């Protein structure tokens, strides 16, 4: 028997879709991703990008307070919680951390009857119906509807120090992390010269100063209006013909400075900073689709109907950052996950399932 709905991916979009689909008695199956070295390197392990985040201040319903007692009662296996919420690690005082939030979402979906398989879908066939899905471990699935919620991964420079200081001063989301206490009233570095980099730098100036924008070339890729925004902001210092050569700091203090290198003469300089924010784009996780869905110019799944999560194939829906290159927030991803589940439910009903 084919599955009513298969959800591929396990971030906020995937778990929200699972919660709504399960409550609609659709008995959803979630392929949450595989625990492979490749996924670890790409930062595409189960529970999504939020599982790699520490403090989460902006998800509704997670105000200040120690969440440990609630987690112990809400989760079936609290001993399996991520390492940084163990007894010897301090709890965030101003919200919840990413792994906690994702583990709670997963548990909520399971509580309603969602089945979860820890594996990747590596191949799909949307030309036949029911849809055919093939997993990394070799198992195949048939599905009446599919919700794709595989997200998008941030692009990084590839420096070893990026990994060392990830979530300890290195970030790829100013809106997510910029307001954290560690960055307030401190100098920061933003890597990139496009519109996104200007947006990130402008946002960070609300909390930090100065904000150095590193532009690889002697011109910015950002639109003219965005360039003017950066140039007119007294808290932004634009350094052209510069790249990050190394991110410096310590395990205790996190990032303390960045060594920059000139792209013209190779000379180095060091700037003090409390954080380095990457704004060099994202890569949507769509390789496994093999061109079977219509994508945008940036490679994201294209929503084909306004205010709906429909894709170019009937019965296949997309939710979260795999289709959203604009907001990229946990709350918006969860919202579209809800929408995708409702769209799938109503599509199934319209077909008599």
C-alpha atoms as a PDB file:
ATOM      1  CA  UNK A   1       0.000   0.000   0.000  1.00  0.00           C
ATOM      2  CA  UNK A   2       1.356   3.439  -0.868  1.00  0.00           C
ATOM      3  CA  UNK A   3       1.879   5.979   1.878  1.00  0.00           C
ATOM      4  CA  UNK A   4      -0.662   8.795   2.065  1.00  0.00           C
ATOM      5  CA  UNK A   5       2.081  11.376   2.507  1.00  0.00           C
ATOM      6  CA  UNK A   6       5.851  11.095   2.646  1.00  0.00           C
ATOM      7  CA  UNK A   7       7.736  14.072   4.061  1.00  0.00           C
ATOM      8  CA  UNK A   8      11.359  14.411   2.984  1.00  0.00           C
ATOM      9  CA  UNK A   9      13.342  16.493   5.452  1.00  0.00           C
ATOM     10  CA  UNK A  10      13.272  17.170   9.166  1.00  0.00           C
ATOM     11  CA  UNK A  11      13.621  20.868   9.902  1.00  0.00           C
ATOM     12  CA  UNK A  12      10.832  23.124  11.201  1.00  0.00           C
ATOM     13  CA  UNK A  13       8.963  22.763   7.894  1.00  0.00           C
ATOM     14  CA  UNK A  14       9.133  18.974   7.899  1.00  0.00           C
ATOM     15  CA  UNK A  15       8.042  18.529  11.502  1.00  0.00           C
ATOM     16  CA  UNK A  16       5.239  21.086  11.229  1.00  0.00           C
ATOM     17  CA  UNK A  17       3.990  19.261   8.139  1.00  0.00           C
ATOM     18  CA  UNK A  18       4.183  15.969  10.023  1.00  0.00           C
ATOM     19  CA  UNK A  19       2.242  17.326  13.006  1.00  0.00           C
ATOM     20  CA  UNK A  20      -0.588  18.611  10.831  1.00  0.00           C
ATOM     21  CA  UNK A  21      -0.662  15.556   8.577  1.00  0.00           C
ATOM     22  CA  UNK A  22      -0.686  13.204  11.555  1.00  0.00           C
ATOM     23  CA  UNK A  23      -3.521  15.102  13.244  1.00  0.00           C
ATOM     24  CA  UNK A  24      -5.452  14.776   9.966  1.00  0.00           C
ATOM     25  CA  UNK A  25      -5.095  10.976  10.267  1.00  0.00           C
ATOM     26  CA  UNK A  26      -2.875  10.751   7.186  1.00  0.00           C
ATOM     27  CA  UNK A  27      -0.282   8.629   9.008  1.00  0.00           C
ATOM     28  CA  UNK A  28       2.695  10.503   7.556  1.00  0.00           C
ATOM     29  CA  UNK A  29       6.120   8.987   7.049  1.00  0.00           C
ATOM     30  CA  UNK A  30       9.137  11.254   7.546  1.00  0.00           C
ATOM     31  CA  UNK A  31      12.515  10.518   5.986  1.00  0.00           C
ATOM     32  CA  UNK A  32      14.531  12.701   8.337  1.00  0.00           C
ATOM     33  CA  UNK A  33      17.935  12.269   6.693  1.00  0.00           C
ATOM     34  CA  UNK A  34      20.861   9.941   7.253  1.00  0.00           C
ATOM     35  CA  UNK A  35      23.660  10.227   9.811  1.00  0.00           C
ATOM     36  CA  UNK A  36      26.438  10.097   7.243  1.00  0.00           C
ATOM     37  CA  UNK A  37      29.817  11.813   7.073  1.00  0.00           C
ATOM     38  CA  UNK A  38      28.749  13.546   3.864  1.00  0.00           C
ATOM     39  CA  UNK A  39      25.685  15.014   5.566  1.00  0.00           C
ATOM     40  CA  UNK A  40      27.811  16.089   8.520  1.00  0.00           C
ATOM     41  CA  UNK A  41      30.190  17.940   6.209  1.00  0.00           C
ATOM     42  CA  UNK A  42      27.312  19.561   4.327  1.00  0.00           C
ATOM     43  CA  UNK A  43      25.458  20.346   7.572  1.00  0.00           C
ATOM     44  CA  UNK A  44      22.408  18.409   6.345  1.00  0.00           C
ATOM     45  CA  UNK A  45      22.038  15.957   9.217  1.00  0.00           C
ATOM     46  CA  UNK A  46      18.629  15.085  10.719  1.00  0.00           C
ATOM     47  CA  UNK A  47      16.728  17.935  12.442  1.00  0.00           C
ATOM     48  CA  UNK A  48      17.918  20.521   9.949  1.00  0.00           C
ATOM     49  CA  UNK A  49      19.900  23.738  10.202  1.00  0.00           C
ATOM     50  CA  UNK A  50      18.244  24.743  13.460  1.00  0.00           C
ATOM     51  CA  UNK A  51      19.830  21.735  15.110  1.00  0.00           C
ATOM     52  CA  UNK A  52      23.179  23.456  14.516  1.00  0.00           C
ATOM     53  CA  UNK A  53      22.089  26.655  16.247  1.00  0.00           C
ATOM     54  CA  UNK A  54      22.566  27.505  19.895  1.00  0.00           C
ATOM     55  CA  UNK A  55      20.255  30.191  21.301  1.00  0.00           C
ATOM     56  CA  UNK A  56      16.911  30.769  19.576  1.00  0.00           C
ATOM     57  CA  UNK A  57      15.352  34.016  20.764  1.00  0.00           C
ATOM     58  CA  UNK A  58      12.788  34.689  18.047  1.00  0.00           C
ATOM     59  CA  UNK A  59      10.642  31.546  17.857  1.00  0.00           C
ATOM     60  CA  UNK A  60       7.185  32.371  19.302  1.00  0.00           C
ATOM     61  CA  UNK A  61       6.396  30.670  22.594  1.00  0.00           C
ATOM     62  CA  UNK A  62       9.961  30.260  23.831  1.00  0.00           C
ATOM     63  CA  UNK A  63      10.529  33.092  26.338  1.00  0.00           C
ATOM     64  CA  UNK A  64      13.282  33.332  28.926  1.00  0.00           C
ATOM     65  CA  UNK A  65      13.777  30.536  31.418  1.00  0.00           C
ATOM     66  CA  UNK A  66      15.431  27.222  32.101  1.00  0.00           C
ATOM     67  CA  UNK A  67      13.769  24.657  29.844  1.00  0.00           C
ATOM     68  CA  UNK A  68      15.407  21.548  31.304  1.00  0.00           C
ATOM     69  CA  UNK A  69      12.517  20.510  33.560  1.00  0.00           C
ATOM     70  CA  UNK A  70      10.021  20.808  30.725  1.00  0.00           C
ATOM     71  CA  UNK A  71      12.273  18.884  28.352  1.00  0.00           C
ATOM     72  CA  UNK A  72      12.631  16.068  30.859  1.00  0.00           C
ATOM     73  CA  UNK A  73       8.847  15.691  31.043  1.00  0.00           C
ATOM     74  CA  UNK A  74       8.080  16.300  27.355  1.00  0.00           C
ATOM     75  CA  UNK A  75      10.585  13.954  25.747  1.00  0.00           C
ATOM     76  CA  UNK A  76      10.536  10.191  26.006  1.00  0.00           C
ATOM     77  CA  UNK A  77      14.315   9.875  26.045  1.00  0.00           C
ATOM     78  CA  UNK A  78      15.767  13.054  27.568  1.00  0.00           C
ATOM     79  CA  UNK A  79      19.122  11.322  28.001  1.00  0.00           C
ATOM     80  CA  UNK A  80      19.483  11.462  24.213  1.00  0.00           C
ATOM     81  CA  UNK A  81      19.341  15.250  24.150  1.00  0.00           C
ATOM     82  CA  UNK A  82      22.228  17.108  22.449  1.00  0.00           C
ATOM     83  CA  UNK A  83      25.419  17.494  24.427  1.00  0.00           C
ATOM     84  CA  UNK A  84      25.173  21.193  25.190  1.00  0.00           C
ATOM     85  CA  UNK A  85      22.050  20.901  27.332  1.00  0.00           C
ATOM     86  CA  UNK A  86      23.640  18.387  29.666  1.00  0.00           C
ATOM     87  CA  UNK A  87      23.996  19.285  33.325  1.00  0.00           C
ATOM     88  CA  UNK A  88      27.500  20.703  32.911  1.00  0.00           C
ATOM     89  CA  UNK A  89      26.451  23.155  30.211  1.00  0.00           C
ATOM     90  CA  UNK A  90      24.576  26.396  30.984  1.00  0.00           C
ATOM     91  CA  UNK A  91      21.042  26.810  29.706  1.00  0.00           C
ATOM     92  CA  UNK A  92      20.212  29.856  27.596  1.00  0.00           C
ATOM     93  CA  UNK A  93      18.550  32.402  29.860  1.00  0.00           C
ATOM     94  CA  UNK A  94      16.695  34.219  27.110  1.00  0.00           C
ATOM     95  CA  UNK A  95      15.006  31.484  25.090  1.00  0.00           C
ATOM     96  CA  UNK A  96      15.553  27.936  23.893  1.00  0.00           C
ATOM     97  CA  UNK A  97      18.372  26.447  21.876  1.00  0.00           C
ATOM     98  CA  UNK A  98      18.000  24.988  18.405  1.00  0.00           C
ATOM     99  CA  UNK A  99      18.477  21.289  19.190  1.00  0.00           C
ATOM    100  CA  UNK A 100      15.936  21.515  22.032  1.00  0.00           C
ATOM    101  CA  UNK A 101      13.354  23.132  19.776  1.00  0.00           C
ATOM    102  CA  UNK A 102      13.860  20.615  16.988  1.00  0.00           C
ATOM    103  CA  UNK A 103      13.770  17.652  19.374  1.00  0.00           C
ATOM    104  CA  UNK A 104      10.495  18.927  20.822  1.00  0.00           C
ATOM    105  CA  UNK A 105       8.993  19.313  17.322  1.00  0.00           C
ATOM    106  CA  UNK A 106      10.065  15.793  16.411  1.00  0.00           C
ATOM    107  CA  UNK A 107       8.583  14.383  19.609  1.00  0.00           C
ATOM    108  CA  UNK A 108       5.317  16.235  19.023  1.00  0.00           C
ATOM    109  CA  UNK A 109       5.046  14.735  15.540  1.00  0.00           C
ATOM    110  CA  UNK A 110       5.790  11.241  16.882  1.00  0.00           C
ATOM    111  CA  UNK A 111       3.205  11.686  19.635  1.00  0.00           C
ATOM    112  CA  UNK A 112       0.526  12.096  16.963  1.00  0.00           C
ATOM    113  CA  UNK A 113       1.582   8.932  15.137  1.00  0.00           C
ATOM    114  CA  UNK A 114       4.232  10.093  12.677  1.00  0.00           C
ATOM    115  CA  UNK A 115       6.612   7.345  11.625  1.00  0.00           C
ATOM    116  CA  UNK A 116      10.240   8.351  11.216  1.00  0.00           C
ATOM    117  CA  UNK A 117      13.030   6.700   9.242  1.00  0.00           C
ATOM    118  CA  UNK A 118      16.568   8.024   9.607  1.00  0.00           C
ATOM    119  CA  UNK A 119      17.594   7.863   5.970  1.00  0.00           C
ATOM    120  CA  UNK A 120      18.009  10.034   2.880  1.00  0.00           C
ATOM    121  CA  UNK A 121      15.870   9.946  -0.214  1.00  0.00           C
ATOM    122  CA  UNK A 122      18.399   9.881  -3.033  1.00  0.00           C
ATOM    123  CA  UNK A 123      16.134   9.346  -6.040  1.00  0.00           C
ATOM    124  CA  UNK A 124      12.532  10.138  -6.921  1.00  0.00           C
ATOM    125  CA  UNK A 125      10.217   9.266  -9.785  1.00  0.00           C
ATOM    126  CA  UNK A 126       7.445  11.816 -10.095  1.00  0.00           C
ATOM    127  CA  UNK A 127       6.522  10.696 -13.604  1.00  0.00           C
ATOM    128  CA  UNK A 128       4.739   7.590 -12.329  1.00  0.00           C
ATOM    129  CA  UNK A 129       1.907   7.419  -9.812  1.00  0.00           C
ATOM    130  CA  UNK A 130       1.951   6.589  -6.987  1.00  0.00           C
ATOM    131  CA  UNK A 131       5.248   8.417  -6.738  1.00  0.00           C
ATOM    132  CA  UNK A 132       8.352   6.273  -6.292  1.00  0.00           C
ATOM    133  CA  UNK A 133      11.031   7.189  -3.746  1.00  0.00           C
ATOM    134  CA  UNK A 134      14.356   5.428  -3.231  1.00  0.00           C
ATOM    135  CA  UNK A 135      16.343   5.727   0.012  1.00  0.00           C
ATOM    136  CA  UNK A 136      20.091   5.601   0.531  1.00  0.00           C
ATOM    137  CA  UNK A 137      19.875   2.275   2.381  1.00  0.00           C
ATOM    138  CA  UNK A 138      18.067   0.731  -0.578  1.00  0.00           C
ATOM    139  CA  UNK A 139      14.480   0.781   0.654  1.00  0.00           C
ATOM    140  CA  UNK A 140      11.826   2.053  -1.758  1.00  0.00           C
ATOM    141  CA  UNK A 141       8.543   3.772  -0.978  1.00  0.00           C
ATOM    142  CA  UNK A 142       5.351   4.592  -2.824  1.00  0.00           C
ATOM    143  CA  UNK A 143       3.520   7.803  -1.969  1.00  0.00           C
ATOM    144  CA  UNK A 144       0.210   9.365  -2.923  1.00  0.00           C
ATOM    145  CA  UNK A 145       1.597  12.780  -1.985  1.00  0.00           C
ATOM    146  CA  UNK A 146       5.080  14.061  -1.196  1.00  0.00           C
ATOM    147  CA  UNK A 147       6.125  17.089   0.833  1.00  0.00           C
ATOM    148  CA  UNK A 148       9.702  18.204   0.186  1.00  0.00           C
ATOM    149  CA  UNK A 149      11.207  20.045   3.151  1.00  0.00           C
ATOM    150  CA  UNK A 150      14.918  19.448   2.644  1.00  0.00           C
ATOM    151  CA  UNK A 151      15.933  23.056   3.319  1.00  0.00           C
ATOM    152  CA  UNK A 152      18.976  24.957   2.095  1.00  0.00           C
ATOM    153  CA  UNK A 153      22.490  24.987   3.467  1.00  0.00           C
ATOM    154  CA  UNK A 154      24.554  28.125   3.943  1.00  0.00           C
ATOM    155  CA  UNK A 155      27.665  28.568   1.832  1.00  0.00           C
ATOM    156  CA  UNK A 156      30.952  28.899   3.699  1.00  0.00           C
ATOM    157  CA  UNK A 157      34.526  29.710   2.727  1.00  0.00           C
ATOM    158  CA  UNK A 158      35.915  26.300   3.627  1.00  0.00           C
ATOM    159  CA  UNK A 159      38.359  27.465   6.303  1.00  0.00           C
ATOM    160  CA  UNK A 160      39.091  25.058   9.168  1.00  0.00           C
ATOM    161  CA  UNK A 161      38.580  27.962  11.582  1.00  0.00           C
ATOM    162  CA  UNK A 162      34.997  28.327  10.339  1.00  0.00           C
ATOM    163  CA  UNK A 163      34.209  24.892  11.703  1.00  0.00           C
ATOM    164  CA  UNK A 164      36.150  25.522  14.883  1.00  0.00           C
ATOM    165  CA  UNK A 165      34.193  28.683  15.721  1.00  0.00           C
ATOM    166  CA  UNK A 166      30.816  27.711  14.256  1.00  0.00           C
ATOM    167  CA  UNK A 167      28.182  28.911  16.743  1.00  0.00           C
ATOM    168  CA  UNK A 168      31.008  30.455  18.754  1.00  0.00           C
ATOM    169  CA  UNK A 169      31.260  33.637  16.717  1.00  0.00           C
ATOM    170  CA  UNK A 170      30.809  32.298  13.176  1.00  0.00           C
ATOM    171  CA  UNK A 171      27.279  32.465  11.765  1.00  0.00           C
ATOM    172  CA  UNK A 172      25.428  32.610   8.470  1.00  0.00           C
ATOM    173  CA  UNK A 173      22.271  34.309   9.759  1.00  0.00           C
ATOM    174  CA  UNK A 174      22.286  37.833  11.162  1.00  0.00           C
ATOM    175  CA  UNK A 175      18.567  37.775  11.937  1.00  0.00           C
ATOM    176  CA  UNK A 176      19.005  34.529  13.864  1.00  0.00           C
ATOM    177  CA  UNK A 177      22.106  35.443  15.845  1.00  0.00           C
ATOM    178  CA  UNK A 178      22.858  39.143  15.542  1.00  0.00           C
ATOM    179  CA  UNK A 179      21.059  40.199  18.720  1.00  0.00           C
ATOM    180  CA  UNK A 180      22.862  37.698  20.926  1.00  0.00           C
ATOM    181  CA  UNK A 181      24.700  39.264  23.890  1.00  0.00           C
ATOM    182  CA  UNK A 182      28.108  38.129  22.642  1.00  0.00           C
ATOM    183  CA  UNK A 183      27.833  40.487  19.635  1.00  0.00           C
ATOM    184  CA  UNK A 184      26.318  43.583  21.250  1.00  0.00           C
ATOM    185  CA  UNK A 185      28.373  46.753  20.895  1.00  0.00           C
ATOM    186  CA  UNK A 186      31.230  44.758  19.394  1.00  0.00           C
ATOM    187  CA  UNK A 187      32.844  44.981  15.945  1.00  0.00           C
ATOM    188  CA  UNK A 188      31.677  42.349  13.468  1.00  0.00           C
ATOM    189  CA  UNK A 189      32.663  41.161  10.004  1.00  0.00           C
ATOM    190  CA  UNK A 190      30.253  40.372   7.166  1.00  0.00           C
ATOM    191  CA  UNK A 191      31.647  38.435   4.201  1.00  0.00           C
ATOM    192  CA  UNK A 192      29.988  39.238   0.891  1.00  0.00           C
ATOM    193  CA  UNK A 193      29.178  42.078  -1.466  1.00  0.00           C
ATOM    194  CA  UNK A 194      25.689  41.315  -2.697  1.00  0.00           C
ATOM    195  CA  UNK A 195      22.236  42.454  -1.612  1.00  0.00           C
ATOM    196  CA  UNK A 196      22.094  39.804   1.091  1.00  0.00           C
ATOM    197  CA  UNK A 197      25.395  40.976   2.555  1.00  0.00           C
ATOM    198  CA  UNK A 198      24.137  44.564   2.708  1.00  0.00           C
ATOM    199  CA  UNK A 199      20.928  43.396   4.381  1.00  0.00           C
ATOM    200  CA  UNK A 200      22.895  41.363   6.925  1.00  0.00           C
ATOM    201  CA  UNK A 201      25.336  44.201   7.634  1.00  0.00           C
ATOM    202  CA  UNK A 202      22.536  46.752   7.965  1.00  0.00           C
ATOM    203  CA  UNK A 203      20.668  44.527  10.382  1.00  0.00           C
ATOM    204  CA  UNK A 204      23.766  43.950  12.491  1.00  0.00           C
ATOM    205  CA  UNK A 205      24.344  47.695  12.911  1.00  0.00           C
ATOM    206  CA  UNK A 206      21.305  47.747  15.193  1.00  0.00           C
ATOM    207  CA  UNK A 207      23.363  45.900  17.776  1.00  0.00           C
ATOM    208  CA  UNK A 208      27.037  46.138  16.831  1.00  0.00           C
ATOM    209  CA  UNK A 209      29.585  48.628  15.538  1.00  0.00           C
ATOM    210  CA  UNK A 210      31.492  48.915  13.433  1.00  0.00           C
ATOM    211  CA  UNK A 211      30.406  46.281  10.923  1.00  0.00           C
ATOM    212  CA  UNK A 212      33.082  45.536   8.344  1.00  0.00           C
ATOM    213  CA  UNK A 213      31.836  44.393   4.941  1.00  0.00           C
ATOM    214  CA  UNK A 214      34.439  42.407   3.034  1.00  0.00           C
ATOM    215  CA  UNK A 215      34.084  42.604  -0.741  1.00  0.00           C
ATOM    216  CA  UNK A 216      36.322  40.347  -2.806  1.00  0.00           C
ATOM    217  CA  UNK A 217      36.495  42.699  -5.787  1.00  0.00           C
ATOM    218  CA  UNK A 218      36.772  46.457  -6.183  1.00  0.00           C
ATOM    219  CA  UNK A 219      33.053  46.702  -6.897  1.00  0.00           C
ATOM    220  CA  UNK A 220      30.025  45.376  -5.025  1.00  0.00           C
ATOM    221  CA  UNK A 221      27.529  43.003  -6.623  1.00  0.00           C
ATOM    222  CA  UNK A 222      24.681  44.588  -4.679  1.00  0.00           C
ATOM    223  CA  UNK A 223      22.072  46.660  -6.491  1.00  0.00           C
ATOM    224  CA  UNK A 224      22.680  50.387  -6.641  1.00  0.00           C
ATOM    225  CA  UNK A 225      20.084  51.189  -3.995  1.00  0.00           C
ATOM    226  CA  UNK A 226      21.562  48.605  -1.637  1.00  0.00           C
ATOM    227  CA  UNK A 227      25.064  49.937  -2.210  1.00  0.00           C
ATOM    228  CA  UNK A 228      23.832  53.396  -1.298  1.00  0.00           C
ATOM    229  CA  UNK A 229      22.296  51.995   1.856  1.00  0.00           C
ATOM    230  CA  UNK A 230      25.624  50.514   2.909  1.00  0.00           C
ATOM    231  CA  UNK A 231      27.639  53.593   1.979  1.00  0.00           C
ATOM    232  CA  UNK A 232      25.298  55.920   3.872  1.00  0.00           C
ATOM    233  CA  UNK A 233      25.359  53.878   7.080  1.00  0.00           C
ATOM    234  CA  UNK A 234      28.036  55.317   9.385  1.00  0.00           C
ATOM    235  CA  UNK A 235      28.329  52.008  11.231  1.00  0.00           C
ATOM    236  CA  UNK A 236      29.320  50.060   8.090  1.00  0.00           C
ATOM    237  CA  UNK A 237      32.923  50.081   6.908  1.00  0.00           C
ATOM    238  CA  UNK A 238      33.368  48.589   3.434  1.00  0.00           C
ATOM    239  CA  UNK A 239      36.697  46.926   2.750  1.00  0.00           C
ATOM    240  CA  UNK A 240      37.045  46.150  -0.943  1.00  0.00           C
ATOM    241  CA  UNK A 241      39.519  43.686  -2.442  1.00  0.00           C
ATOM    242  CA  UNK A 242      39.552  41.766   0.831  1.00  0.00           C
ATOM    243  CA  UNK A 243      38.934  38.145   1.781  1.00  0.00           C
ATOM    244  CA  UNK A 244      39.097  36.308   5.091  1.00  0.00           C
ATOM    245  CA  UNK A 245      42.414  34.513   5.395  1.00  0.00           C
ATOM    246  CA  UNK A 246      41.772  33.117   8.883  1.00  0.00           C
ATOM    247  CA  UNK A 247      39.341  33.493  11.774  1.00  0.00           C
ATOM    248  CA  UNK A 248      41.125  33.849  15.105  1.00  0.00           C
ATOM    249  CA  UNK A 249      40.126  33.303  18.714  1.00  0.00           C
ATOM    250  CA  UNK A 250      40.015  30.690  21.452  1.00  0.00           C
ATOM    251  CA  UNK A 251      37.656  27.929  22.503  1.00  0.00           C
ATOM    252  CA  UNK A 252      36.672  29.894  25.619  1.00  0.00           C
ATOM    253  CA  UNK A 253      36.297  33.375  24.109  1.00  0.00           C
ATOM    254  CA  UNK A 254      35.180  32.343  20.637  1.00  0.00           C
ATOM    255  CA  UNK A 255      36.027  34.660  17.754  1.00  0.00           C
ATOM    256  CA  UNK A 256      38.219  37.592  18.734  1.00  0.00           C
ATOM    257  CA  UNK A 257      39.572  38.770  15.363  1.00  0.00           C
ATOM    258  CA  UNK A 258      39.887  38.002  11.676  1.00  0.00           C
ATOM    259  CA  UNK A 259      42.956  38.074   9.483  1.00  0.00           C
ATOM    260  CA  UNK A 260      42.168  39.637   6.121  1.00  0.00           C
ATOM    261  CA  UNK A 261      44.101  39.294   2.893  1.00  0.00           C
ATOM    262  CA  UNK A 262      44.212  41.705  -0.012  1.00  0.00           C
ATOM    263  CA  UNK A 263      43.184  40.243  -3.373  1.00  0.00           C
ATOM    264  CA  UNK A 264      45.443  42.740  -5.168  1.00  0.00           C
ATOM    265  CA  UNK A 265      48.798  42.647  -3.397  1.00  0.00           C
ATOM    266  CA  UNK A 266      48.395  39.772  -0.927  1.00  0.00           C
ATOM    267  CA  UNK A 267      49.065  41.917   2.126  1.00  0.00           C
ATOM    268  CA  UNK A 268      47.421  40.913   5.413  1.00  0.00           C
ATOM    269  CA  UNK A 269      45.757  42.888   8.152  1.00  0.00           C
ATOM    270  CA  UNK A 270      43.977  41.865  11.325  1.00  0.00           C
ATOM    271  CA  UNK A 271      40.723  43.400  12.552  1.00  0.00           C
ATOM    272  CA  UNK A 272      39.291  42.867  16.012  1.00  0.00           C
ATOM    273  CA  UNK A 273      35.794  41.403  15.906  1.00  0.00           C
ATOM    274  CA  UNK A 274      33.469  39.291  18.015  1.00  0.00           C
ATOM    275  CA  UNK A 275      31.929  37.490  15.065  1.00  0.00           C
ATOM    276  CA  UNK A 276      32.155  36.705  11.363  1.00  0.00           C
ATOM    277  CA  UNK A 277      28.898  36.435   9.405  1.00  0.00           C
ATOM    278  CA  UNK A 278      28.887  34.646   6.063  1.00  0.00           C
ATOM    279  CA  UNK A 279      26.611  36.238   3.462  1.00  0.00           C
ATOM    280  CA  UNK A 280      27.753  34.425   0.342  1.00  0.00           C
ATOM    281  CA  UNK A 281      24.537  32.620  -0.443  1.00  0.00           C
ATOM    282  CA  UNK A 282      22.745  29.366   0.235  1.00  0.00           C
ATOM    283  CA  UNK A 283      22.477  26.116  -1.695  1.00  0.00           C
ATOM    284  CA  UNK A 284      19.029  24.491  -1.708  1.00  0.00           C
ATOM    285  CA  UNK A 285      19.077  20.736  -1.143  1.00  0.00           C
ATOM    286  CA  UNK A 286      17.471  19.676  -4.410  1.00  0.00           C
ATOM    287  CA  UNK A 287      20.086  17.485  -6.108  1.00  0.00           C
ATOM    288  CA  UNK A 288      18.075  14.320  -5.502  1.00  0.00           C
ATOM    289  CA  UNK A 289      15.193  15.690  -7.586  1.00  0.00           C
ATOM    290  CA  UNK A 290      17.243  15.297 -10.775  1.00  0.00           C
ATOM    291  CA  UNK A 291      15.355  18.049 -12.577  1.00  0.00           C
ATOM    292  CA  UNK A 292      11.890  16.587 -12.065  1.00  0.00           C
ATOM    293  CA  UNK A 293      10.482  19.743 -10.469  1.00  0.00           C
ATOM    294  CA  UNK A 294      10.550  23.269 -11.813  1.00  0.00           C
ATOM    295  CA  UNK A 295      13.159  25.362 -10.000  1.00  0.00           C
ATOM    296  CA  UNK A 296      13.737  29.099  -9.759  1.00  0.00           C
ATOM    297  CA  UNK A 297      16.745  30.840 -11.269  1.00  0.00           C
ATOM    298  CA  UNK A 298      18.503  30.419  -7.917  1.00  0.00           C
ATOM    299  CA  UNK A 299      17.792  26.689  -7.813  1.00  0.00           C
ATOM    300  CA  UNK A 300      14.975  26.705  -5.261  1.00  0.00           C
ATOM    301  CA  UNK A 301      11.778  24.732  -5.821  1.00  0.00           C
ATOM    302  CA  UNK A 302       9.280  27.015  -7.529  1.00  0.00           C
ATOM    303  CA  UNK A 303       5.875  27.442  -5.918  1.00  0.00           C
ATOM    304  CA  UNK A 304       3.548  27.494  -8.904  1.00  0.00           C
ATOM    305  CA  UNK A 305       0.392  28.886  -7.289  1.00  0.00           C
ATOM    306  CA  UNK A 306       0.191  32.038  -5.135  1.00  0.00           C
ATOM    307  CA  UNK A 307      -0.494  31.358  -1.441  1.00  0.00           C
ATOM    308  CA  UNK A 308      -0.092  27.613  -1.963  1.00  0.00           C
ATOM    309  CA  UNK A 309       2.798  25.167  -1.617  1.00  0.00           C
ATOM    310  CA  UNK A 310       2.070  23.547  -4.992  1.00  0.00           C
ATOM    311  CA  UNK A 311       4.989  22.580  -7.217  1.00  0.00           C
ATOM    312  CA  UNK A 312       5.096  21.857 -10.941  1.00  0.00           C
ATOM    313  CA  UNK A 313       3.950  18.263 -10.272  1.00  0.00           C
ATOM    314  CA  UNK A 314       0.451  17.693  -8.913  1.00  0.00           C
ATOM    315  CA  UNK A 315       0.543  15.974  -5.549  1.00  0.00           C
ATOM    316  CA  UNK A 316       4.077  17.147  -4.752  1.00  0.00           C
ATOM    317  CA  UNK A 317       4.397  20.065  -2.349  1.00  0.00           C
ATOM    318  CA  UNK A 318       7.356  22.068  -1.047  1.00  0.00           C
ATOM    319  CA  UNK A 319       7.833  23.727   2.330  1.00  0.00           C
ATOM    320  CA  UNK A 320      10.498  25.735   4.089  1.00  0.00           C
ATOM    321  CA  UNK A 321      13.853  26.991   2.884  1.00  0.00           C
ATOM    322  CA  UNK A 322      14.031  24.614  -0.077  1.00  0.00           C
ATOM    323  CA  UNK A 323      11.447  26.895  -1.696  1.00  0.00           C
ATOM    324  CA  UNK A 324      12.033  30.140   0.213  1.00  0.00           C
ATOM    325  CA  UNK A 325      15.181  32.136  -0.504  1.00  0.00           C
ATOM    326  CA  UNK A 326      13.794  35.338   1.046  1.00  0.00           C
ATOM    327  CA  UNK A 327      12.725  34.866   4.685  1.00  0.00           C
ATOM    328  CA  UNK A 328      14.663  31.748   5.720  1.00  0.00           C
ATOM    329  CA  UNK A 329      13.368  31.744   9.302  1.00  0.00           C
ATOM    330  CA  UNK A 330      12.259  28.838  11.465  1.00  0.00           C
ATOM    331  CA  UNK A 331       8.812  30.323  12.030  1.00  0.00           C
ATOM    332  CA  UNK A 332       8.158  30.915   8.327  1.00  0.00           C
ATOM    333  CA  UNK A 333       9.418  27.434   7.485  1.00  0.00           C
ATOM    334  CA  UNK A 334       7.067  25.928  10.068  1.00  0.00           C
ATOM    335  CA  UNK A 335       4.221  27.985   8.628  1.00  0.00           C
ATOM    336  CA  UNK A 336       4.745  26.656   5.135  1.00  0.00           C
ATOM    337  CA  UNK A 337       5.053  23.150   6.573  1.00  0.00           C
ATOM    338  CA  UNK A 338       1.563  23.552   7.997  1.00  0.00           C
ATOM    339  CA  UNK A 339       0.358  24.871   4.635  1.00  0.00           C
ATOM    340  CA  UNK A 340       1.906  21.936   2.755  1.00  0.00           C
ATOM    341  CA  UNK A 341       0.178  19.403   5.015  1.00  0.00           C
ATOM    342  CA  UNK A 342      -3.183  21.107   4.536  1.00  0.00           C
ATOM    343  CA  UNK A 343      -2.581  21.336   0.786  1.00  0.00           C
ATOM    344  CA  UNK A 344      -1.725  17.630   0.663  1.00  0.00           C
ATOM    345  CA  UNK A 345      -4.784  16.690   2.729  1.00  0.00           C
ATOM    346  CA  UNK A 346      -7.134  18.667   0.493  1.00  0.00           C
ATOM    347  CA  UNK A 347      -5.482  17.398  -2.679  1.00  0.00           C
ATOM    348  CA  UNK A 348      -5.931  13.804  -1.517  1.00  0.00           C
ATOM    349  CA  UNK A 349      -9.577  14.484  -0.687  1.00  0.00           C
ATOM    350  CA  UNK A 350     -10.130  15.994  -4.133  1.00  0.00           C
ATOM    351  CA  UNK A 351      -8.819  12.779  -5.683  1.00  0.00           C
ATOM    352  CA  UNK A 352     -11.082  10.623  -3.575  1.00  0.00           C
ATOM    353  CA  UNK A 353      -8.414   9.228  -1.229  1.00  0.00           C
END
